[in-house]
Amino acid sequence: MKHTNELKTASDIVALAGGTETICQMFGVKERVVFHHRKIGLLPAKWFSRLEYKTGQTLPRHLFSFI
């Protein structure tokens, strides 16, 4: 997997993965859930593996809510 320095926000990851609608379909969530996570700047940790696979990128872990 490639790592890109272009991914600086949760919104960057959402966009790279195909946008809000794609994320909603992938994870079975409503748009408001995606907007909330983009607003706070952290995506759920349980989304990490699927988003890394989908994007083909090494995603920055600090943009996910790992404990």
Protein backbone atom coordinates (compact mmCIF):
# COMPACT_ATOMS: atom_id res chain seq x y z
CA MET A 1 0.00 0.00 0.00
CA LYS A 2 1.10 3.50 -0.71
CA HIS A 3 1.09 6.26 1.85
CA THR A 4 0.12 9.72 0.79
CA ASN A 5 0.84 12.92 2.67
CA GLU A 6 -2.23 14.44 1.03
CA LEU A 7 -4.54 12.83 3.60
CA LYS A 8 -4.65 15.38 6.37
CA THR A 9 -8.30 15.20 7.47
CA ALA A 10 -11.12 12.72 7.90
CA SER A 11 -12.85 14.49 5.01
CA ASP A 12 -9.85 13.75 2.77
CA ILE A 13 -10.26 10.04 3.50
CA VAL A 14 -14.00 10.16 2.85
CA ALA A 15 -13.39 11.87 -0.49
CA LEU A 16 -10.67 9.40 -1.51
CA ALA A 17 -12.98 6.49 -0.66
CA GLY A 18 -15.65 7.82 -3.01
CA GLY A 19 -17.56 10.34 -0.92
CA THR A 20 -20.27 10.34 1.70
CA GLU A 21 -22.71 8.19 -0.27
CA THR A 22 -20.10 5.47 -0.76
CA ILE A 23 -19.26 5.48 2.95
CA CYS A 24 -22.96 5.24 3.83
CA GLN A 25 -23.33 2.21 1.57
CA MET A 26 -20.11 0.54 2.81
CA PHE A 27 -20.98 0.80 6.48
CA GLY A 28 -24.76 0.97 6.49
CA VAL A 29 -24.88 4.40 8.12
CA LYS A 30 -26.83 7.57 7.41
CA GLU A 31 -25.28 10.70 5.91
CA ARG A 32 -25.55 12.52 9.23
CA VAL A 33 -23.21 9.92 10.80
CA VAL A 34 -20.56 10.55 8.15
CA PHE A 35 -20.99 14.33 8.46
CA HIS A 36 -20.60 14.06 12.25
CA HIS A 37 -17.33 12.15 11.95
CA ARG A 38 -16.02 14.55 9.33
CA LYS A 39 -16.91 17.48 11.60
CA ILE A 40 -15.11 16.07 14.65
CA GLY A 41 -12.18 14.96 12.49
CA LEU A 42 -12.16 11.31 13.55
CA LEU A 43 -13.52 8.30 11.73
CA PRO A 44 -14.56 5.18 13.65
CA ALA A 45 -11.68 2.76 14.19
CA LYS A 46 -13.84 -0.11 12.94
CA TRP A 47 -13.89 1.55 9.49
CA PHE A 48 -10.09 1.61 9.23
CA SER A 49 -9.35 -1.73 7.53
CA ARG A 50 -12.11 -1.47 4.95
CA LEU A 51 -11.18 2.11 4.08
CA GLU A 52 -7.51 1.19 3.72
CA TYR A 53 -8.47 -1.64 1.40
CA LYS A 54 -10.92 0.51 -0.57
CA THR A 55 -8.47 3.39 -1.05
CA GLY A 56 -5.34 1.29 -1.56
CA GLN A 57 -3.52 3.73 0.73
CA THR A 58 -1.85 3.49 4.11
CA LEU A 59 -4.20 5.73 6.04
CA PRO A 60 -3.06 7.93 8.93
CA ARG A 61 -4.18 6.23 12.13
CA HIS A 62 -4.49 9.51 14.01
CA LEU A 63 -7.61 10.27 11.93
CA PHE A 64 -9.41 7.26 13.44
CA SER A 65 -10.79 6.83 16.94
CA PHE A 66 -8.38 4.14 18.13
CA ILE A 67 -8.16 4.01 21.93
